[in-house]
């Protein structure tokens, strides 16, 4: 939509994404990204962390995508992610009757940072517009049952000292299982070809 403020935030999740269902049956996921700038100190010859920005984020499932559910299944506390979305302002009342106004990021796309990590992709074929979620073995002591992602860099202290270990690269291409080779990522044709992404467009 024209006129919206679109930003990209890179940082670590301060907690597991919280998925809930509203009264009208819609599903929304909420989470917070802590983005800490790093600058190089020429005097000490080291990088230093600046003041962290805590960005509250939300994402909804829709008739075209189950993105909120994908986020809840794929991302966990401490992971470094790259999120893009629109800044929105909303007002609400606390249980004490106080009026509050907050600015949050309405996420339109998100994924794990691969700067010091690896991730495998499970493509979702049901429903128009679904682009898939990220899946890899969870770090030790993480809750079982949902897909996850592991990286090779320690997360900041928002995860109470938790870190995620380097994950080995997937031995098979998760996109090659598609029946239609023209619609598969790496399915016999070079990446970037004209047939690589032809059938993933959303129909309106």
N, C-alpha and C. Protein backbone atom coordinates (compact mmCIF):
# COMPACT_ATOMS: atom_id res chain seq x y z
N UNK A 1 0.85 -1.19 0.00
CA UNK A 1 0.00 0.00 0.00
C UNK A 1 0.88 1.23 0.00
N UNK A 2 0.57 2.21 -0.84
CA UNK A 2 1.39 3.40 -0.96
C UNK A 2 1.35 4.22 0.32
N UNK A 3 2.49 4.80 0.66
CA UNK A 3 2.56 5.67 1.83
C UNK A 3 2.91 4.98 3.12
N UNK A 4 2.99 3.65 3.13
CA UNK A 4 3.35 2.94 4.35
C UNK A 4 4.84 3.05 4.61
N UNK A 5 5.20 3.02 5.89
CA UNK A 5 6.61 3.07 6.29
C UNK A 5 7.14 1.64 6.36
N UNK A 6 7.94 1.24 5.38
CA UNK A 6 8.48 -0.11 5.31
C UNK A 6 9.91 -0.10 5.85
N UNK A 7 10.19 -0.98 6.80
CA UNK A 7 11.53 -1.07 7.37
C UNK A 7 11.96 -2.52 7.45
N UNK A 8 13.27 -2.71 7.58
CA UNK A 8 13.85 -4.04 7.78
C UNK A 8 14.60 -4.04 9.11
N UNK A 9 14.34 -5.03 9.93
CA UNK A 9 14.97 -5.14 11.25
C UNK A 9 15.73 -6.45 11.32
N UNK A 10 16.98 -6.38 11.77
CA UNK A 10 17.81 -7.57 11.97
C UNK A 10 18.15 -7.65 13.45
N UNK A 11 17.86 -8.77 14.06
CA UNK A 11 18.15 -8.92 15.49
C UNK A 11 17.76 -10.29 15.99
N UNK A 12 17.74 -10.44 17.31
CA UNK A 12 17.47 -11.72 17.95
C UNK A 12 16.11 -11.71 18.65
N UNK A 13 15.42 -12.83 18.59
CA UNK A 13 14.13 -12.96 19.27
C UNK A 13 14.36 -13.01 20.78
N UNK A 14 13.63 -12.20 21.52
CA UNK A 14 13.79 -12.17 22.97
C UNK A 14 13.02 -13.30 23.66
N UNK A 15 12.08 -13.91 22.96
CA UNK A 15 11.28 -15.02 23.51
C UNK A 15 10.68 -15.79 22.35
N UNK A 16 10.13 -16.96 22.64
CA UNK A 16 9.44 -17.73 21.60
C UNK A 16 8.24 -16.93 21.09
N UNK A 17 7.98 -16.94 19.79
CA UNK A 17 6.78 -16.28 19.26
C UNK A 17 5.52 -16.84 19.91
N UNK A 18 4.58 -15.96 20.21
CA UNK A 18 3.34 -16.35 20.89
C UNK A 18 2.18 -16.33 19.89
N UNK A 19 1.67 -17.52 19.58
CA UNK A 19 0.56 -17.65 18.63
C UNK A 19 -0.75 -17.75 19.40
N UNK A 20 -1.74 -16.96 18.98
CA UNK A 20 -3.05 -17.02 19.64
C UNK A 20 -4.15 -16.84 18.60
N UNK A 21 -5.35 -17.24 18.99
CA UNK A 21 -6.52 -17.13 18.13
C UNK A 21 -7.46 -16.08 18.70
N UNK A 22 -7.88 -15.13 17.88
CA UNK A 22 -8.77 -14.07 18.33
C UNK A 22 -10.20 -14.57 18.40
N UNK A 23 -11.08 -13.70 18.88
CA UNK A 23 -12.47 -14.09 19.05
C UNK A 23 -13.17 -14.43 17.76
N UNK A 24 -12.74 -13.84 16.63
CA UNK A 24 -13.38 -14.13 15.35
C UNK A 24 -12.70 -15.27 14.60
N UNK A 25 -11.76 -15.96 15.26
CA UNK A 25 -11.12 -17.12 14.65
C UNK A 25 -9.83 -16.84 13.92
N UNK A 26 -9.42 -15.57 13.84
CA UNK A 26 -8.16 -15.24 13.17
C UNK A 26 -6.98 -15.61 14.06
N UNK A 27 -5.87 -15.97 13.43
CA UNK A 27 -4.66 -16.35 14.16
C UNK A 27 -3.60 -15.28 13.98
N UNK A 28 -2.99 -14.87 15.09
CA UNK A 28 -1.96 -13.83 15.08
C UNK A 28 -0.80 -14.29 15.94
N UNK A 29 0.40 -13.95 15.54
CA UNK A 29 1.59 -14.27 16.32
C UNK A 29 2.27 -12.97 16.71
N UNK A 30 2.73 -12.89 17.95
CA UNK A 30 3.42 -11.72 18.47
C UNK A 30 4.80 -12.12 18.97
N UNK A 31 5.77 -11.26 18.74
CA UNK A 31 7.13 -11.51 19.22
C UNK A 31 7.89 -10.19 19.23
N UNK A 32 9.06 -10.21 19.87
CA UNK A 32 9.90 -9.02 19.96
C UNK A 32 11.29 -9.33 19.43
N UNK A 33 11.81 -8.41 18.61
CA UNK A 33 13.16 -8.52 18.07
C UNK A 33 14.05 -7.49 18.76
N UNK A 34 15.16 -7.94 19.30
CA UNK A 34 16.15 -7.04 19.90
C UNK A 34 17.26 -6.81 18.88
N UNK A 35 17.36 -5.59 18.39
CA UNK A 35 18.36 -5.24 17.38
C UNK A 35 19.44 -4.38 18.03
N UNK A 36 20.67 -4.91 18.06
CA UNK A 36 21.77 -4.22 18.73
C UNK A 36 22.81 -3.79 17.71
N UNK A 37 23.02 -2.48 17.54
CA UNK A 37 24.04 -2.01 16.59
C UNK A 37 25.44 -2.28 17.13
N UNK A 38 26.38 -2.54 16.21
CA UNK A 38 27.77 -2.76 16.58
C UNK A 38 28.65 -1.77 15.83
N UNK A 39 29.55 -1.13 16.54
CA UNK A 39 30.47 -0.17 15.94
C UNK A 39 31.90 -0.56 16.29
N UNK A 40 32.81 -0.20 15.39
CA UNK A 40 34.22 -0.54 15.58
C UNK A 40 34.93 0.60 16.30
N UNK A 41 35.54 0.28 17.44
CA UNK A 41 36.30 1.25 18.22
C UNK A 41 37.76 1.18 17.80
N UNK A 42 38.23 2.23 17.12
CA UNK A 42 39.60 2.21 16.62
C UNK A 42 40.62 2.29 17.75
N UNK A 43 40.22 2.84 18.87
CA UNK A 43 41.15 2.95 19.99
C UNK A 43 41.47 1.59 20.59
N UNK A 44 40.42 0.77 20.75
CA UNK A 44 40.61 -0.55 21.36
C UNK A 44 40.80 -1.64 20.32
N UNK A 45 40.46 -1.34 19.06
CA UNK A 45 40.56 -2.35 18.01
C UNK A 45 39.51 -3.43 18.12
N UNK A 46 38.37 -3.13 18.76
CA UNK A 46 37.32 -4.12 18.96
C UNK A 46 35.96 -3.53 18.59
N UNK A 47 35.03 -4.43 18.29
CA UNK A 47 33.66 -4.01 18.06
C UNK A 47 32.94 -3.88 19.39
N UNK A 48 32.09 -2.86 19.50
CA UNK A 48 31.35 -2.62 20.73
C UNK A 48 29.86 -2.56 20.43
N UNK A 49 29.07 -3.13 21.34
CA UNK A 49 27.61 -3.12 21.19
C UNK A 49 27.04 -1.78 21.63
N UNK A 50 26.09 -1.28 20.84
CA UNK A 50 25.38 -0.07 21.21
C UNK A 50 24.12 -0.39 22.00
N UNK A 51 23.23 0.59 22.09
CA UNK A 51 21.99 0.40 22.84
C UNK A 51 21.00 -0.39 21.99
N UNK A 52 20.42 -1.41 22.57
CA UNK A 52 19.51 -2.30 21.83
C UNK A 52 18.17 -1.62 21.57
N UNK A 53 17.62 -1.88 20.39
CA UNK A 53 16.27 -1.47 20.04
C UNK A 53 15.36 -2.69 20.14
N UNK A 54 14.31 -2.59 20.94
CA UNK A 54 13.37 -3.69 21.09
C UNK A 54 12.12 -3.38 20.26
N UNK A 55 11.96 -4.12 19.17
CA UNK A 55 10.85 -3.88 18.25
C UNK A 55 9.78 -4.95 18.42
N UNK A 56 8.60 -4.51 18.84
CA UNK A 56 7.47 -5.42 18.98
C UNK A 56 6.90 -5.71 17.59
N UNK A 57 6.63 -6.99 17.30
CA UNK A 57 6.19 -7.40 15.97
C UNK A 57 4.92 -8.23 16.05
N UNK A 58 4.16 -8.21 14.96
CA UNK A 58 2.97 -9.05 14.85
C UNK A 58 2.80 -9.50 13.41
N UNK A 59 2.12 -10.62 13.24
CA UNK A 59 1.85 -11.16 11.91
C UNK A 59 0.57 -12.00 11.98
N UNK A 60 -0.24 -11.93 10.92
CA UNK A 60 -1.53 -12.62 10.90
C UNK A 60 -1.57 -13.68 9.81
N UNK A 61 -2.28 -14.75 10.07
CA UNK A 61 -2.66 -15.68 9.01
C UNK A 61 -3.72 -15.02 8.14
N UNK A 62 -3.79 -15.42 6.88
CA UNK A 62 -4.80 -14.89 5.97
C UNK A 62 -5.27 -15.99 5.04
N UNK A 63 -6.15 -15.62 4.10
CA UNK A 63 -6.64 -16.61 3.13
C UNK A 63 -5.56 -17.01 2.15
N UNK A 64 -4.48 -16.24 2.08
CA UNK A 64 -3.40 -16.53 1.14
C UNK A 64 -2.20 -17.21 1.79
N UNK A 65 -2.02 -17.05 3.08
CA UNK A 65 -0.82 -17.58 3.73
C UNK A 65 -1.07 -17.91 5.19
N UNK A 66 -0.34 -18.90 5.69
CA UNK A 66 -0.38 -19.24 7.12
C UNK A 66 0.92 -18.77 7.77
N UNK A 67 1.31 -17.55 7.45
CA UNK A 67 2.61 -17.04 7.88
C UNK A 67 2.74 -16.98 9.40
N UNK A 68 1.69 -16.58 10.10
CA UNK A 68 1.75 -16.51 11.55
C UNK A 68 2.02 -17.89 12.15
N UNK A 69 1.33 -18.90 11.65
CA UNK A 69 1.54 -20.27 12.12
C UNK A 69 2.94 -20.76 11.76
N UNK A 70 3.42 -20.40 10.56
CA UNK A 70 4.77 -20.80 10.15
C UNK A 70 5.83 -20.22 11.07
N UNK A 71 5.65 -18.96 11.46
CA UNK A 71 6.59 -18.30 12.37
C UNK A 71 6.63 -19.02 13.71
N UNK A 72 5.44 -19.33 14.24
CA UNK A 72 5.38 -20.00 15.54
C UNK A 72 6.02 -21.38 15.50
N UNK A 73 5.95 -22.07 14.37
CA UNK A 73 6.50 -23.41 14.24
C UNK A 73 8.00 -23.39 13.95
N UNK A 74 8.51 -22.29 13.40
CA UNK A 74 9.87 -22.29 12.88
C UNK A 74 10.88 -21.52 13.72
N UNK A 75 10.46 -20.46 14.39
CA UNK A 75 11.40 -19.58 15.08
C UNK A 75 11.28 -19.72 16.59
N UNK A 76 12.40 -19.59 17.27
CA UNK A 76 12.42 -19.72 18.73
C UNK A 76 13.32 -18.65 19.34
N UNK A 77 13.23 -18.56 20.64
CA UNK A 77 13.98 -17.58 21.43
C UNK A 77 15.48 -17.63 21.12
N UNK A 78 16.07 -16.46 20.94
CA UNK A 78 17.50 -16.36 20.72
C UNK A 78 17.93 -16.38 19.27
N UNK A 79 17.06 -16.81 18.36
CA UNK A 79 17.44 -16.88 16.95
C UNK A 79 17.64 -15.48 16.37
N UNK A 80 18.62 -15.37 15.48
CA UNK A 80 18.85 -14.13 14.75
C UNK A 80 18.01 -14.17 13.48
N UNK A 81 17.18 -13.15 13.29
CA UNK A 81 16.24 -13.13 12.17
C UNK A 81 16.35 -11.82 11.40
N UNK A 82 15.84 -11.85 10.19
CA UNK A 82 15.71 -10.66 9.35
C UNK A 82 14.22 -10.50 9.05
N UNK A 83 13.64 -9.39 9.49
CA UNK A 83 12.20 -9.17 9.34
C UNK A 83 11.95 -7.88 8.58
N UNK A 84 10.96 -7.92 7.70
CA UNK A 84 10.54 -6.72 6.97
C UNK A 84 9.06 -6.53 7.15
N UNK A 85 8.65 -5.27 7.27
CA UNK A 85 7.24 -5.00 7.44
C UNK A 85 6.94 -3.52 7.49
N UNK A 86 5.72 -3.21 7.91
CA UNK A 86 5.24 -1.83 7.97
C UNK A 86 5.07 -1.41 9.42
N UNK A 87 5.49 -0.19 9.72
CA UNK A 87 5.28 0.35 11.05
C UNK A 87 3.83 0.78 11.19
N UNK A 88 3.17 0.30 12.24
CA UNK A 88 1.78 0.68 12.50
C UNK A 88 1.66 1.14 13.95
N UNK A 89 0.70 2.00 14.18
CA UNK A 89 0.44 2.51 15.53
C UNK A 89 -0.95 2.07 15.95
N UNK A 90 -1.05 1.55 17.16
CA UNK A 90 -2.36 1.11 17.66
C UNK A 90 -2.51 1.54 19.11
N UNK A 91 -3.75 1.71 19.51
CA UNK A 91 -4.07 2.11 20.88
C UNK A 91 -4.89 1.02 21.55
N UNK A 92 -4.73 0.90 22.85
CA UNK A 92 -5.47 -0.10 23.62
C UNK A 92 -5.60 0.36 25.06
N UNK A 93 -6.41 -0.36 25.82
CA UNK A 93 -6.60 -0.07 27.23
C UNK A 93 -6.08 -1.23 28.07
N UNK A 94 -5.38 -0.89 29.14
CA UNK A 94 -4.87 -1.90 30.05
C UNK A 94 -6.01 -2.41 30.93
N UNK A 95 -5.71 -3.44 31.71
CA UNK A 95 -6.72 -3.97 32.63
C UNK A 95 -7.09 -2.96 33.70
N UNK A 96 -6.22 -1.98 33.91
CA UNK A 96 -6.50 -0.92 34.88
C UNK A 96 -7.25 0.25 34.26
N UNK A 97 -7.59 0.12 32.97
CA UNK A 97 -8.34 1.18 32.31
C UNK A 97 -7.50 2.29 31.74
N UNK A 98 -6.18 2.13 31.74
CA UNK A 98 -5.30 3.17 31.21
C UNK A 98 -5.17 3.03 29.69
N UNK A 99 -5.17 4.16 29.00
CA UNK A 99 -5.02 4.15 27.54
C UNK A 99 -3.54 4.15 27.18
N UNK A 100 -3.18 3.28 26.27
CA UNK A 100 -1.79 3.18 25.82
C UNK A 100 -1.75 3.19 24.29
N UNK A 101 -0.66 3.72 23.76
CA UNK A 101 -0.41 3.72 22.32
C UNK A 101 0.96 3.13 22.07
N UNK A 102 1.04 2.19 21.15
CA UNK A 102 2.31 1.54 20.85
C UNK A 102 2.54 1.56 19.34
N UNK A 103 3.81 1.52 18.96
CA UNK A 103 4.21 1.38 17.56
C UNK A 103 4.84 0.01 17.40
N UNK A 104 4.37 -0.76 16.44
CA UNK A 104 4.90 -2.10 16.23
C UNK A 104 5.12 -2.35 14.75
N UNK A 105 5.84 -3.42 14.46
CA UNK A 105 6.14 -3.81 13.09
C UNK A 105 5.15 -4.88 12.65
N UNK A 106 4.33 -4.58 11.65
CA UNK A 106 3.42 -5.56 11.07
C UNK A 106 4.22 -6.32 10.01
N UNK A 107 4.67 -7.52 10.36
CA UNK A 107 5.64 -8.26 9.55
C UNK A 107 5.00 -8.79 8.27
N UNK A 108 5.67 -8.54 7.14
CA UNK A 108 5.24 -9.07 5.85
C UNK A 108 6.16 -10.18 5.34
N UNK A 109 7.37 -10.26 5.90
CA UNK A 109 8.30 -11.33 5.53
C UNK A 109 9.35 -11.46 6.62
N UNK A 110 9.80 -12.69 6.87
CA UNK A 110 10.77 -12.93 7.94
C UNK A 110 11.47 -14.25 7.69
N UNK A 111 12.70 -14.35 8.12
CA UNK A 111 13.45 -15.60 8.02
C UNK A 111 14.68 -15.54 8.90
N UNK A 112 15.33 -16.68 9.13
CA UNK A 112 16.54 -16.69 9.95
C UNK A 112 17.71 -16.08 9.21
N UNK A 113 18.58 -15.41 9.95
CA UNK A 113 19.81 -14.88 9.36
C UNK A 113 20.78 -16.03 9.15
N UNK A 114 21.37 -16.10 7.96
CA UNK A 114 22.32 -17.16 7.63
C UNK A 114 23.75 -16.67 7.69
N UNK A 115 23.97 -15.56 8.39
CA UNK A 115 25.32 -15.02 8.51
C UNK A 115 26.26 -16.03 9.17
N UNK A 116 25.80 -16.66 10.24
CA UNK A 116 26.59 -17.68 10.93
C UNK A 116 25.70 -18.88 11.27
N UNK A 117 24.85 -19.26 10.34
CA UNK A 117 23.90 -20.35 10.61
C UNK A 117 23.49 -21.00 9.31
N UNK A 118 22.87 -22.17 9.43
CA UNK A 118 22.28 -22.84 8.28
C UNK A 118 20.83 -23.18 8.60
N UNK A 119 20.03 -23.34 7.57
CA UNK A 119 18.62 -23.71 7.76
C UNK A 119 18.15 -24.47 6.54
N UNK A 120 17.24 -25.42 6.74
CA UNK A 120 16.61 -26.12 5.63
C UNK A 120 15.19 -25.60 5.49
N UNK A 121 14.61 -25.76 4.30
CA UNK A 121 13.29 -25.21 4.01
C UNK A 121 12.32 -26.32 3.68
N UNK A 122 11.16 -26.33 4.33
CA UNK A 122 10.08 -27.25 4.02
C UNK A 122 9.01 -26.48 3.26
N UNK A 123 8.83 -26.81 2.02
CA UNK A 123 7.85 -26.10 1.20
C UNK A 123 6.44 -26.55 1.55
N UNK A 124 5.53 -25.58 1.67
CA UNK A 124 4.13 -25.88 1.95
C UNK A 124 3.37 -25.75 0.65
N UNK A 125 2.73 -26.84 0.21
CA UNK A 125 2.05 -26.85 -1.08
C UNK A 125 0.56 -26.55 -0.97
N UNK A 126 -0.02 -26.68 0.22
CA UNK A 126 -1.45 -26.47 0.37
C UNK A 126 -1.74 -25.00 0.60
N UNK A 127 -2.73 -24.46 -0.12
CA UNK A 127 -3.11 -23.07 0.06
C UNK A 127 -2.33 -22.15 -0.83
N UNK A 128 -2.99 -21.22 -1.46
CA UNK A 128 -2.32 -20.29 -2.38
C UNK A 128 -1.47 -19.32 -1.60
N UNK A 129 -0.27 -19.07 -2.11
CA UNK A 129 0.56 -18.02 -1.55
C UNK A 129 1.47 -18.46 -0.44
N UNK A 130 1.36 -19.66 0.05
CA UNK A 130 2.24 -20.10 1.12
C UNK A 130 3.64 -20.31 0.58
N UNK A 131 4.62 -19.78 1.27
CA UNK A 131 5.98 -19.85 0.77
C UNK A 131 6.85 -20.83 1.53
N UNK A 132 6.31 -21.48 2.56
CA UNK A 132 7.09 -22.48 3.27
C UNK A 132 7.58 -21.98 4.61
N UNK A 133 8.12 -22.91 5.40
CA UNK A 133 8.71 -22.52 6.67
C UNK A 133 10.07 -23.15 6.80
N UNK A 134 10.81 -22.72 7.84
CA UNK A 134 12.17 -23.19 8.03
C UNK A 134 12.17 -24.31 9.05
N UNK A 135 12.96 -25.34 8.79
CA UNK A 135 12.95 -26.48 9.69
C UNK A 135 14.33 -27.07 9.79
N UNK A 136 14.75 -27.32 11.02
CA UNK A 136 16.01 -28.00 11.30
C UNK A 136 15.92 -28.50 12.72
N UNK A 137 16.77 -29.45 13.13
CA UNK A 137 16.71 -29.94 14.50
C UNK A 137 16.89 -28.81 15.49
N UNK A 138 16.08 -28.80 16.54
CA UNK A 138 16.18 -27.77 17.55
C UNK A 138 17.42 -27.95 18.41
N UNK A 139 17.81 -26.85 19.04
CA UNK A 139 18.94 -26.91 19.96
C UNK A 139 18.58 -27.75 21.17
N UNK A 140 19.58 -28.31 21.82
CA UNK A 140 19.35 -29.13 23.00
C UNK A 140 18.64 -28.30 24.06
N UNK A 141 17.71 -28.93 24.78
CA UNK A 141 16.91 -28.31 25.82
C UNK A 141 15.80 -27.43 25.27
N UNK A 142 15.61 -27.40 23.94
CA UNK A 142 14.50 -26.66 23.37
C UNK A 142 13.27 -27.56 23.34
N UNK A 143 12.05 -26.98 23.43
CA UNK A 143 10.85 -27.81 23.39
C UNK A 143 10.75 -28.56 22.09
N UNK A 144 10.30 -29.82 22.16
CA UNK A 144 10.17 -30.66 20.97
C UNK A 144 8.81 -30.46 20.35
N UNK A 145 8.69 -30.88 19.10
CA UNK A 145 7.39 -30.90 18.46
C UNK A 145 7.26 -29.93 17.31
N UNK A 146 7.95 -28.80 17.34
CA UNK A 146 7.86 -27.84 16.26
C UNK A 146 9.17 -27.80 15.51
N UNK A 147 9.10 -27.31 14.28
CA UNK A 147 10.32 -27.13 13.50
C UNK A 147 11.17 -26.05 14.11
N UNK A 148 12.46 -26.05 13.80
CA UNK A 148 13.33 -25.04 14.38
C UNK A 148 14.47 -24.73 13.47
N UNK A 149 15.46 -23.99 14.00
CA UNK A 149 16.61 -23.59 13.21
C UNK A 149 17.76 -23.37 14.16
N UNK A 150 18.95 -23.79 13.73
CA UNK A 150 20.11 -23.68 14.58
C UNK A 150 21.18 -22.89 13.87
N UNK A 151 21.92 -22.11 14.60
CA UNK A 151 22.97 -21.31 14.01
C UNK A 151 24.27 -21.51 14.73
N UNK A 152 25.33 -20.91 14.20
CA UNK A 152 26.64 -21.10 14.79
C UNK A 152 27.08 -19.98 15.68
N UNK A 153 26.26 -18.94 15.87
CA UNK A 153 26.67 -17.81 16.69
C UNK A 153 25.85 -17.78 17.95
N UNK A 154 26.47 -17.41 19.04
CA UNK A 154 25.76 -17.31 20.30
C UNK A 154 24.83 -16.11 20.26
N UNK A 155 23.63 -16.28 20.78
CA UNK A 155 22.68 -15.18 20.82
C UNK A 155 23.05 -14.24 21.96
N UNK A 156 22.58 -12.97 21.90
CA UNK A 156 22.80 -12.07 23.02
C UNK A 156 22.14 -12.59 24.27
N UNK A 157 22.28 -11.86 25.34
CA UNK A 157 21.86 -12.37 26.63
C UNK A 157 20.36 -12.32 26.84
N UNK A 158 19.58 -11.99 25.79
CA UNK A 158 18.14 -12.00 25.94
C UNK A 158 17.62 -13.40 26.15
N UNK A 159 18.41 -14.42 25.81
CA UNK A 159 17.96 -15.81 25.95
C UNK A 159 18.54 -16.47 27.19
N UNK A 160 18.95 -15.64 28.18
CA UNK A 160 19.47 -16.16 29.44
C UNK A 160 20.65 -17.10 29.24
N UNK A 161 21.52 -16.73 28.32
CA UNK A 161 22.74 -17.51 28.12
C UNK A 161 22.59 -18.63 27.12
N UNK A 162 21.40 -18.85 26.59
CA UNK A 162 21.21 -19.95 25.64
C UNK A 162 21.90 -19.62 24.33
N UNK A 163 22.41 -20.63 23.67
CA UNK A 163 23.03 -20.45 22.36
C UNK A 163 22.61 -21.59 21.47
N UNK A 164 22.72 -21.40 20.18
CA UNK A 164 22.36 -22.48 19.27
C UNK A 164 23.58 -22.88 18.47
N UNK A 165 23.74 -24.18 18.28
CA UNK A 165 24.94 -24.74 17.66
C UNK A 165 24.80 -24.80 16.15
N UNK A 166 25.95 -24.88 15.49
CA UNK A 166 25.95 -24.92 14.03
C UNK A 166 25.24 -26.17 13.56
N UNK A 167 24.36 -26.01 12.60
CA UNK A 167 23.62 -27.14 12.04
C UNK A 167 24.26 -27.53 10.72
N UNK A 168 24.33 -28.83 10.47
CA UNK A 168 24.90 -29.30 9.21
C UNK A 168 23.94 -28.99 8.08
N UNK A 169 24.49 -28.75 6.90
CA UNK A 169 23.66 -28.44 5.74
C UNK A 169 22.84 -29.66 5.36
N UNK A 170 21.61 -29.46 4.86
CA UNK A 170 20.76 -30.61 4.49
C UNK A 170 21.40 -31.42 3.38
N UNK A 171 21.31 -32.77 3.49
CA UNK A 171 21.91 -33.65 2.51
C UNK A 171 21.10 -33.75 1.23
N UNK A 172 19.81 -33.41 1.31
CA UNK A 172 18.96 -33.45 0.13
C UNK A 172 18.29 -32.11 -0.06
N UNK A 173 17.91 -31.83 -1.28
CA UNK A 173 17.25 -30.58 -1.62
C UNK A 173 15.77 -30.71 -1.30
N UNK A 174 15.22 -29.95 -0.32
CA UNK A 174 13.81 -30.12 0.05
C UNK A 174 12.86 -29.72 -1.05
N UNK A 175 13.34 -28.98 -2.05
CA UNK A 175 12.47 -28.55 -3.13
C UNK A 175 12.41 -29.58 -4.27
N UNK A 176 13.34 -30.55 -4.26
CA UNK A 176 13.41 -31.47 -5.39
C UNK A 176 12.30 -32.50 -5.39
N UNK A 177 11.52 -32.57 -4.31
CA UNK A 177 10.45 -33.56 -4.22
C UNK A 177 9.22 -33.18 -5.03
N UNK A 178 9.21 -31.97 -5.56
CA UNK A 178 8.05 -31.53 -6.34
C UNK A 178 7.90 -32.36 -7.60
N UNK A 179 6.65 -32.68 -7.98
CA UNK A 179 6.41 -33.47 -9.18
C UNK A 179 6.73 -32.68 -10.44
N UNK A 180 6.53 -31.38 -10.37
CA UNK A 180 6.74 -30.54 -11.55
C UNK A 180 8.13 -29.97 -11.49
N UNK A 181 9.05 -30.46 -12.34
CA UNK A 181 10.44 -30.03 -12.27
C UNK A 181 10.59 -28.57 -12.60
N UNK A 182 9.69 -28.00 -13.36
CA UNK A 182 9.79 -26.59 -13.70
C UNK A 182 9.44 -25.72 -12.53
N UNK A 183 8.82 -26.30 -11.48
CA UNK A 183 8.42 -25.53 -10.32
C UNK A 183 9.26 -25.85 -9.11
N UNK A 184 10.35 -26.57 -9.28
CA UNK A 184 11.16 -26.99 -8.14
C UNK A 184 12.42 -26.18 -8.07
N UNK A 185 12.83 -25.90 -6.87
CA UNK A 185 14.06 -25.16 -6.62
C UNK A 185 15.21 -26.12 -6.77
N UNK A 186 16.01 -25.96 -7.80
CA UNK A 186 17.13 -26.86 -8.03
C UNK A 186 16.72 -28.15 -8.69
N UNK A 187 15.50 -28.27 -9.18
CA UNK A 187 15.02 -29.53 -9.74
C UNK A 187 15.46 -29.71 -11.18
N UNK A 188 16.77 -29.77 -11.44
CA UNK A 188 17.26 -30.07 -12.76
C UNK A 188 17.60 -28.85 -13.57
N UNK A 189 17.25 -27.67 -13.13
CA UNK A 189 17.61 -26.47 -13.86
C UNK A 189 18.39 -25.56 -12.95
N UNK A 190 19.15 -24.64 -13.53
CA UNK A 190 20.00 -23.77 -12.73
C UNK A 190 19.15 -22.75 -12.00
N UNK A 191 19.60 -22.36 -10.81
CA UNK A 191 18.88 -21.37 -10.02
C UNK A 191 18.87 -20.04 -10.76
N UNK A 192 17.71 -19.38 -10.77
CA UNK A 192 17.59 -18.11 -11.46
C UNK A 192 16.99 -18.24 -12.83
N UNK A 193 16.69 -19.49 -13.26
CA UNK A 193 16.08 -19.69 -14.57
C UNK A 193 14.66 -19.15 -14.59
N UNK A 194 14.13 -19.05 -15.78
CA UNK A 194 12.80 -18.45 -15.92
C UNK A 194 11.72 -19.32 -15.34
N UNK A 195 11.99 -20.63 -15.09
CA UNK A 195 10.94 -21.53 -14.59
C UNK A 195 11.05 -21.80 -13.12
N UNK A 196 11.96 -21.14 -12.42
CA UNK A 196 12.21 -21.50 -11.02
C UNK A 196 11.07 -21.13 -10.10
N UNK A 197 10.43 -19.99 -10.33
CA UNK A 197 9.44 -19.53 -9.37
C UNK A 197 8.09 -19.26 -10.04
N UNK A 198 7.82 -19.94 -11.13
CA UNK A 198 6.67 -19.57 -11.95
C UNK A 198 5.32 -19.79 -11.31
N UNK A 199 5.19 -20.78 -10.38
CA UNK A 199 3.85 -21.13 -9.90
C UNK A 199 3.57 -20.67 -8.50
N UNK A 200 4.43 -19.84 -7.92
CA UNK A 200 4.23 -19.42 -6.54
C UNK A 200 3.51 -18.09 -6.43
N UNK A 201 3.09 -17.48 -7.54
CA UNK A 201 2.42 -16.20 -7.46
C UNK A 201 1.02 -16.38 -6.89
N UNK A 202 0.59 -15.39 -6.12
CA UNK A 202 -0.73 -15.43 -5.51
C UNK A 202 -1.78 -15.03 -6.54
N UNK A 203 -2.83 -15.80 -6.63
CA UNK A 203 -3.91 -15.48 -7.56
C UNK A 203 -4.92 -14.60 -6.87
N UNK A 204 -5.35 -13.56 -7.51
CA UNK A 204 -6.36 -12.66 -6.94
C UNK A 204 -7.64 -12.70 -7.77
